[in-house]
Amino acid sequence: MYVSVERGADVAYDHHLRFARLKLKLKRNWTGGPAEASVQHWYAERHLEAKLQYQTIQQVLCS
């Protein structure tokens, strides 16, 4: 955390904070509920569609 204060505010409690810069690291908290299941289902469908598409392209090219 980086903090900057007005000049002359060394020890006193009545100094004025000018600005502060914070860095936060956030992480997702997956609960494994319905949202995660729907994402996994969507991913499986997309993977299957892509796999079938490349199989048909490969069959056309090899013929």
N, C-alpha and C. Protein backbone atom coordinates (compact mmCIF):
# COMPACT_ATOMS: atom_id res chain seq x y z
N MET A 1 0.85 -1.16 0.00
CA MET A 1 0.00 0.00 0.00
C MET A 1 0.90 1.23 0.00
N TYR A 2 0.57 2.18 -0.85
CA TYR A 2 1.32 3.44 -0.93
C TYR A 2 0.42 4.56 -0.46
N VAL A 3 0.89 5.37 0.51
CA VAL A 3 0.09 6.46 1.07
C VAL A 3 0.89 7.74 1.01
N SER A 4 0.26 8.83 0.62
CA SER A 4 0.90 10.14 0.60
C SER A 4 0.08 11.11 1.45
N VAL A 5 0.77 11.92 2.26
CA VAL A 5 0.07 12.87 3.13
C VAL A 5 0.60 14.28 2.87
N GLU A 6 -0.11 15.26 3.39
CA GLU A 6 0.33 16.65 3.27
C GLU A 6 1.64 16.87 4.03
N ARG A 7 2.41 17.84 3.62
CA ARG A 7 3.69 18.15 4.24
C ARG A 7 3.50 18.61 5.69
N GLY A 8 4.39 18.18 6.56
CA GLY A 8 4.34 18.58 7.95
C GLY A 8 3.45 17.70 8.80
N ALA A 9 3.00 16.61 8.27
CA ALA A 9 2.11 15.72 9.02
C ALA A 9 2.92 14.52 9.49
N ASP A 10 3.94 14.77 10.28
CA ASP A 10 4.82 13.69 10.70
C ASP A 10 4.22 12.88 11.85
N VAL A 11 3.83 13.57 12.93
CA VAL A 11 3.44 12.86 14.12
C VAL A 11 1.99 13.13 14.50
N ALA A 12 1.45 14.24 14.07
CA ALA A 12 0.12 14.65 14.53
C ALA A 12 -0.97 13.74 13.99
N TYR A 13 -2.06 13.67 14.74
CA TYR A 13 -3.20 12.85 14.32
C TYR A 13 -4.16 13.62 13.42
N ASP A 14 -3.98 14.92 13.30
CA ASP A 14 -4.92 15.71 12.51
C ASP A 14 -4.41 15.98 11.09
N HIS A 15 -3.51 15.14 10.58
CA HIS A 15 -3.02 15.35 9.22
C HIS A 15 -4.07 14.91 8.21
N HIS A 16 -3.96 15.40 6.99
CA HIS A 16 -4.95 15.13 5.95
C HIS A 16 -4.37 14.16 4.93
N LEU A 17 -5.06 13.09 4.72
CA LEU A 17 -4.63 12.11 3.73
C LEU A 17 -4.86 12.66 2.33
N ARG A 18 -3.84 12.66 1.51
CA ARG A 18 -3.96 13.20 0.16
C ARG A 18 -4.47 12.13 -0.80
N PHE A 19 -3.79 11.01 -0.86
CA PHE A 19 -4.31 9.89 -1.65
C PHE A 19 -3.65 8.61 -1.18
N ALA A 20 -4.26 7.51 -1.51
CA ALA A 20 -3.73 6.20 -1.18
C ALA A 20 -3.93 5.28 -2.38
N ARG A 21 -2.96 4.45 -2.63
CA ARG A 21 -3.04 3.50 -3.73
C ARG A 21 -3.01 2.09 -3.14
N LEU A 22 -4.01 1.30 -3.45
CA LEU A 22 -4.13 -0.05 -2.92
C LEU A 22 -4.11 -1.06 -4.06
N LYS A 23 -3.54 -2.21 -3.80
CA LYS A 23 -3.59 -3.31 -4.75
C LYS A 23 -4.29 -4.47 -4.06
N LEU A 24 -5.32 -4.97 -4.71
CA LEU A 24 -6.07 -6.09 -4.15
C LEU A 24 -5.94 -7.29 -5.08
N LYS A 25 -5.79 -8.44 -4.50
CA LYS A 25 -5.80 -9.67 -5.29
C LYS A 25 -7.10 -10.40 -4.96
N LEU A 26 -7.96 -10.49 -5.95
CA LEU A 26 -9.24 -11.15 -5.75
C LEU A 26 -9.22 -12.51 -6.43
N LYS A 27 -9.90 -13.44 -5.85
CA LYS A 27 -10.01 -14.74 -6.47
C LYS A 27 -11.46 -15.18 -6.48
N ARG A 28 -11.79 -15.99 -7.44
CA ARG A 28 -13.16 -16.48 -7.54
C ARG A 28 -13.40 -17.55 -6.49
N ASN A 29 -14.60 -17.59 -6.02
CA ASN A 29 -14.99 -18.58 -5.03
C ASN A 29 -16.09 -19.43 -5.64
N TRP A 30 -15.70 -20.48 -6.34
CA TRP A 30 -16.68 -21.37 -6.98
C TRP A 30 -17.29 -22.26 -5.91
N THR A 31 -18.59 -22.27 -5.87
CA THR A 31 -19.28 -23.09 -4.88
C THR A 31 -19.65 -24.46 -5.43
N GLY A 32 -19.54 -24.62 -6.73
CA GLY A 32 -19.91 -25.89 -7.32
C GLY A 32 -21.40 -26.04 -7.52
N GLY A 33 -22.10 -24.94 -7.53
CA GLY A 33 -23.55 -24.96 -7.67
C GLY A 33 -23.97 -25.06 -9.12
N PRO A 34 -25.19 -24.65 -9.42
CA PRO A 34 -25.74 -24.76 -10.76
C PRO A 34 -24.97 -23.94 -11.80
N ALA A 35 -24.40 -22.83 -11.41
CA ALA A 35 -23.67 -21.99 -12.37
C ALA A 35 -22.47 -22.74 -12.91
N GLU A 36 -21.73 -23.40 -12.04
CA GLU A 36 -20.55 -24.14 -12.48
C GLU A 36 -20.95 -25.32 -13.36
N ALA A 37 -22.03 -25.99 -13.02
CA ALA A 37 -22.50 -27.12 -13.82
C ALA A 37 -22.89 -26.66 -15.21
N SER A 38 -23.53 -25.50 -15.33
CA SER A 38 -23.94 -25.01 -16.64
C SER A 38 -22.73 -24.62 -17.47
N VAL A 39 -21.69 -24.08 -16.84
CA VAL A 39 -20.46 -23.73 -17.56
C VAL A 39 -19.80 -25.00 -18.08
N GLN A 40 -19.74 -26.03 -17.25
CA GLN A 40 -19.13 -27.29 -17.67
C GLN A 40 -19.94 -27.91 -18.81
N HIS A 41 -21.26 -27.82 -18.75
CA HIS A 41 -22.11 -28.37 -19.81
C HIS A 41 -21.87 -27.62 -21.11
N TRP A 42 -21.78 -26.28 -21.04
CA TRP A 42 -21.54 -25.46 -22.22
C TRP A 42 -20.19 -25.80 -22.83
N TYR A 43 -19.17 -25.98 -21.98
CA TYR A 43 -17.84 -26.31 -22.48
C TYR A 43 -17.85 -27.67 -23.16
N ALA A 44 -18.54 -28.65 -22.60
CA ALA A 44 -18.60 -29.98 -23.19
C ALA A 44 -19.29 -29.94 -24.55
N GLU A 45 -20.36 -29.15 -24.67
CA GLU A 45 -21.05 -29.02 -25.95
C GLU A 45 -20.15 -28.39 -27.00
N ARG A 46 -19.44 -27.32 -26.64
CA ARG A 46 -18.55 -26.64 -27.59
C ARG A 46 -17.43 -27.58 -28.02
N HIS A 47 -16.90 -28.35 -27.08
CA HIS A 47 -15.82 -29.27 -27.39
C HIS A 47 -16.30 -30.34 -28.37
N LEU A 48 -17.50 -30.85 -28.14
CA LEU A 48 -18.06 -31.87 -29.03
C LEU A 48 -18.32 -31.30 -30.42
N GLU A 49 -18.86 -30.08 -30.50
CA GLU A 49 -19.12 -29.45 -31.80
C GLU A 49 -17.82 -29.27 -32.57
N ALA A 50 -16.79 -28.79 -31.92
CA ALA A 50 -15.51 -28.57 -32.59
C ALA A 50 -14.91 -29.90 -33.04
N LYS A 51 -15.02 -30.91 -32.21
CA LYS A 51 -14.47 -32.22 -32.55
C LYS A 51 -15.17 -32.79 -33.79
N LEU A 52 -16.49 -32.69 -33.84
CA LEU A 52 -17.24 -33.20 -34.99
C LEU A 52 -16.92 -32.40 -36.25
N GLN A 53 -16.75 -31.09 -36.11
CA GLN A 53 -16.44 -30.25 -37.26
C GLN A 53 -15.08 -30.63 -37.85
N TYR A 54 -14.08 -30.84 -37.01
CA TYR A 54 -12.76 -31.20 -37.52
C TYR A 54 -12.75 -32.62 -38.08
N GLN A 55 -13.57 -33.50 -37.55
CA GLN A 55 -13.65 -34.85 -38.10
C GLN A 55 -14.22 -34.81 -39.52
N THR A 56 -15.25 -34.01 -39.75
CA THR A 56 -15.83 -33.92 -41.09
C THR A 56 -14.86 -33.26 -42.05
N ILE A 57 -14.12 -32.26 -41.61
CA ILE A 57 -13.12 -31.63 -42.48
C ILE A 57 -12.03 -32.63 -42.84
N GLN A 58 -11.61 -33.43 -41.88
CA GLN A 58 -10.58 -34.42 -42.12
C GLN A 58 -11.07 -35.49 -43.10
N GLN A 59 -12.34 -35.89 -42.98
CA GLN A 59 -12.89 -36.87 -43.90
C GLN A 59 -12.94 -36.33 -45.32
N VAL A 60 -13.29 -35.07 -45.48
CA VAL A 60 -13.35 -34.46 -46.81
C VAL A 60 -11.96 -34.37 -47.41
N LEU A 61 -10.98 -33.98 -46.62
CA LEU A 61 -9.62 -33.83 -47.12
C LEU A 61 -8.98 -35.17 -47.47
N CYS A 62 -9.30 -36.21 -46.73
CA CYS A 62 -8.71 -37.52 -46.98
C CYS A 62 -9.40 -38.26 -48.13
N SER A 63 -10.58 -37.86 -48.51
CA SER A 63 -11.32 -38.55 -49.57
C SER A 63 -10.78 -38.24 -50.94
